[in-house]
Amino acid sequence: MGPTQIFDYGIPYNIFTGFWTATQSSYLPNGTFKGLSACNVAIYWDDKDPNLMHFRQDPLTATEDQLAATNMIADQLGLVADAKKLVSLQFDLKITGRAANSVPNSVVKNVGAETTPDCYIFQITSGDYVWYNNQYCATANDRLVIGPQLFKNNIQLLLSQRLTRVSYEVPEEYQYALKSP
């Protein structure tokens, strides 16, 4: 990482941009450890639409099959059925001020808001499964994500993720053309 940060805290969601490494763990509602997974995360703005952001999560165990990769992470965390889609490996977000929404025809519905420049709250929905994803930027290069995963309004798992920024730039092999709404 260079000494100069390339994001601006005044631009909502800009603190997310870059290439990150992450560990994520899941727990039963009583606090019993359930599973663990590790991944790389790439987050970047679209070159053509300054309000379109892309999120990509890849398991550290490489695979060409995106569905197999999603299932691998979901299985490691103990997620079942449609809940596996909550760890969707790629999605685009349309940013409007402090609000974020998944683009039309997304696999999951993702709705979020910046509450302060270092705190973001998302609701990610797939069928009857919901993950409340609360993101806290402890520093410019460290993020914590916590929240319950629910099925029909009952807590199934507690999910926790720790991300560390590896680079402010996202390697080309982790980028793809974004889907404008």
Protein backbone atom coordinates (compact mmCIF):
# COMPACT_ATOMS: atom_id res chain seq x y z
CA MET A 1 0.00 0.00 0.00
CA GLY A 2 1.23 3.43 -0.85
CA PRO A 3 1.29 6.28 1.61
CA THR A 4 -1.56 8.09 -0.17
CA GLN A 5 -5.11 6.84 0.21
CA ILE A 6 -7.17 7.05 -2.98
CA PHE A 7 -10.60 7.13 -1.36
CA ASP A 8 -12.47 10.03 0.16
CA TYR A 9 -14.49 9.56 3.38
CA GLY A 10 -16.86 12.25 2.05
CA ILE A 11 -17.96 9.98 -0.82
CA PRO A 12 -20.32 7.31 0.56
CA TYR A 13 -19.08 3.72 0.02
CA ASN A 14 -15.70 4.86 -1.30
CA ILE A 15 -13.96 3.43 1.78
CA PHE A 16 -14.94 -0.07 0.54
CA THR A 17 -12.94 0.17 -2.69
CA GLY A 18 -9.83 -1.93 -3.16
CA PHE A 19 -8.64 -5.50 -2.84
CA TRP A 20 -9.24 -7.18 0.53
CA THR A 21 -8.55 -10.50 2.21
CA ALA A 22 -11.18 -11.81 4.60
CA THR A 23 -12.01 -14.50 7.11
CA GLN A 24 -15.60 -15.23 7.98
CA SER A 25 -17.04 -17.40 10.69
CA SER A 26 -20.51 -18.53 11.70
CA TYR A 27 -22.03 -19.37 15.08
CA LEU A 28 -25.29 -20.85 16.25
CA PRO A 29 -27.62 -18.48 18.13
CA ASN A 30 -26.28 -19.88 21.45
CA GLY A 31 -22.71 -18.87 20.46
CA THR A 32 -21.47 -22.34 19.45
CA PHE A 33 -18.92 -22.17 16.61
CA LYS A 34 -20.33 -23.56 13.34
CA GLY A 35 -17.86 -22.91 10.49
CA LEU A 36 -15.05 -20.83 8.97
CA SER A 37 -14.12 -19.67 5.48
CA ALA A 38 -11.50 -17.37 3.91
CA CYS A 39 -11.71 -15.36 0.72
CA ASN A 40 -10.46 -12.42 -1.34
CA VAL A 41 -12.79 -9.48 -1.93
CA ALA A 42 -12.59 -6.96 -4.79
CA ILE A 43 -14.71 -3.80 -4.67
CA TYR A 44 -14.50 -1.08 -7.30
CA TRP A 45 -16.43 1.67 -9.07
CA ASP A 46 -17.56 1.37 -12.68
CA ASP A 47 -15.43 3.48 -15.05
CA LYS A 48 -18.51 4.68 -16.98
CA ASP A 49 -21.08 5.11 -14.18
CA PRO A 50 -19.70 6.80 -11.03
CA ASN A 51 -22.73 5.57 -9.04
CA LEU A 52 -22.29 1.86 -9.84
CA MET A 53 -20.12 -0.26 -7.55
CA HIS A 54 -19.13 -3.90 -7.98
CA PHE A 55 -18.49 -6.45 -5.21
CA ARG A 56 -16.69 -9.71 -5.94
CA GLN A 57 -15.80 -12.38 -3.36
CA ASP A 58 -13.61 -15.33 -4.32
CA PRO A 59 -12.69 -18.23 -2.06
CA LEU A 60 -8.97 -18.66 -1.42
CA THR A 61 -9.32 -22.15 -2.87
CA ALA A 62 -9.46 -21.34 -6.59
CA THR A 63 -12.27 -22.73 -8.72
CA GLU A 64 -13.54 -21.82 -12.17
CA ASP A 65 -17.15 -22.67 -11.31
CA GLN A 66 -18.78 -19.69 -9.55
CA LEU A 67 -21.73 -21.77 -8.27
CA ALA A 68 -19.33 -24.35 -6.82
CA ALA A 69 -17.36 -21.53 -5.19
CA THR A 70 -20.50 -20.02 -3.64
CA ASN A 71 -21.59 -23.43 -2.37
CA MET A 72 -18.13 -24.12 -0.93
CA ILE A 73 -18.18 -20.91 1.15
CA ALA A 74 -21.82 -21.47 2.15
CA ASP A 75 -21.11 -25.08 3.17
CA GLN A 76 -18.09 -24.02 5.24
CA LEU A 77 -20.30 -21.51 7.08
CA GLY A 78 -23.15 -24.00 7.52
CA LEU A 79 -25.68 -22.21 5.29
CA VAL A 80 -28.48 -24.21 3.66
CA ALA A 81 -30.88 -23.92 0.67
CA ASP A 82 -31.58 -20.35 -0.52
CA ALA A 83 -29.43 -19.03 2.34
CA LYS A 84 -26.40 -20.02 0.24
CA LYS A 85 -27.27 -17.18 -2.15
CA LEU A 86 -26.61 -14.71 0.69
CA VAL A 87 -22.89 -15.23 0.10
CA SER A 88 -23.32 -14.50 -3.61
CA LEU A 89 -19.85 -13.99 -4.98
CA GLN A 90 -20.65 -11.09 -7.29
CA PHE A 91 -23.17 -8.30 -7.35
CA ASP A 92 -23.50 -4.70 -8.45
CA LEU A 93 -24.85 -1.89 -6.28
CA LYS A 94 -26.39 1.34 -7.49
CA ILE A 95 -25.34 4.12 -5.09
CA THR A 96 -27.67 7.10 -4.66
CA GLY A 97 -26.34 9.49 -2.03
CA ARG A 98 -26.00 7.43 1.16
CA ALA A 99 -28.28 4.61 -0.09
CA ALA A 100 -27.28 1.45 -1.97
CA ASN A 101 -29.54 -0.96 -3.85
CA SER A 102 -28.88 -4.04 -5.93
CA VAL A 103 -29.39 -3.56 -9.66
CA PRO A 104 -32.55 -5.03 -11.25
CA ASN A 105 -32.58 -8.82 -11.87
CA SER A 106 -29.99 -9.51 -9.16
CA VAL A 107 -29.78 -13.00 -7.61
CA VAL A 108 -30.22 -11.44 -4.17
CA LYS A 109 -31.84 -8.21 -3.05
CA ASN A 110 -29.31 -5.96 -1.32
CA VAL A 111 -30.42 -2.71 0.33
CA GLY A 112 -28.03 -0.59 2.38
CA ALA A 113 -27.33 2.80 3.89
CA GLU A 114 -24.34 4.73 5.17
CA THR A 115 -25.16 5.83 8.72
CA THR A 116 -21.79 7.52 9.36
CA PRO A 117 -18.68 7.60 7.12
CA ASP A 118 -17.34 4.49 8.90
CA CYS A 119 -20.58 2.52 9.46
CA TYR A 120 -22.86 0.88 6.90
CA ILE A 121 -25.93 -1.32 7.36
CA PHE A 122 -27.23 -3.74 4.71
CA GLN A 123 -30.14 -6.14 4.42
CA ILE A 124 -29.46 -8.97 1.98
CA THR A 125 -32.47 -11.11 1.04
CA SER A 126 -32.88 -14.39 -0.85
CA GLY A 127 -36.34 -15.96 -0.64
CA ASP A 128 -37.23 -16.42 3.06
CA TYR A 129 -33.57 -15.91 4.10
CA VAL A 130 -32.24 -12.56 5.29
CA TRP A 131 -28.78 -11.50 6.43
CA TYR A 132 -28.41 -8.26 8.36
CA ASN A 133 -24.91 -7.14 7.46
CA ASN A 134 -23.53 -4.38 9.71
CA GLN A 135 -20.16 -3.06 8.51
CA TYR A 136 -17.78 -1.10 10.73
CA CYS A 137 -14.60 0.43 9.34
CA ALA A 138 -12.27 0.21 12.34
CA THR A 139 -9.53 1.93 10.30
CA ALA A 140 -9.15 2.84 6.64
CA ASN A 141 -7.77 -0.66 6.01
CA ASP A 142 -9.74 -2.84 8.46
CA ARG A 143 -13.46 -3.67 8.34
CA LEU A 144 -15.63 -5.78 10.58
CA VAL A 145 -18.93 -7.21 9.35
CA ILE A 146 -21.41 -8.80 11.75
CA GLY A 147 -25.04 -9.75 11.68
CA PRO A 148 -27.60 -12.50 12.04
CA GLN A 149 -28.86 -14.70 9.22
CA LEU A 150 -32.60 -15.33 9.57
CA PHE A 151 -35.07 -17.78 8.07
CA LYS A 152 -38.72 -16.69 8.29
CA ASN A 153 -37.75 -14.13 10.96
CA ASN A 154 -35.95 -16.71 13.16
CA ILE A 155 -32.21 -16.40 13.73
CA GLN A 156 -30.39 -19.37 12.20
CA LEU A 157 -26.75 -18.25 12.38
CA LEU A 158 -24.63 -15.34 13.56
CA LEU A 159 -22.09 -14.37 10.92
CA SER A 160 -18.85 -12.47 11.48
CA GLN A 161 -16.30 -11.33 8.92
CA ARG A 162 -12.97 -9.49 9.26
CA LEU A 163 -11.49 -7.81 6.18
CA THR A 164 -8.02 -6.29 5.70
CA ARG A 165 -7.23 -4.15 2.67
CA VAL A 166 -4.35 -5.59 0.65
CA SER A 167 -4.31 -2.89 -2.05
CA TYR A 168 -6.20 0.24 -3.02
CA GLU A 169 -6.17 -1.02 -6.62
CA VAL A 170 -8.08 -4.10 -7.71
CA PRO A 171 -6.07 -6.51 -9.92
CA GLU A 172 -7.47 -6.72 -13.47
CA GLU A 173 -8.21 -10.44 -13.16
CA TYR A 174 -10.75 -9.59 -10.41
CA GLN A 175 -12.65 -7.05 -12.53
CA TYR A 176 -15.47 -7.49 -15.03
CA ALA A 177 -17.93 -5.24 -16.86
CA LEU A 178 -20.62 -3.97 -14.50
CA LYS A 179 -24.35 -4.25 -15.20
CA SER A 180 -25.95 -0.81 -15.30
CA PRO A 181 -29.65 -0.80 -14.43
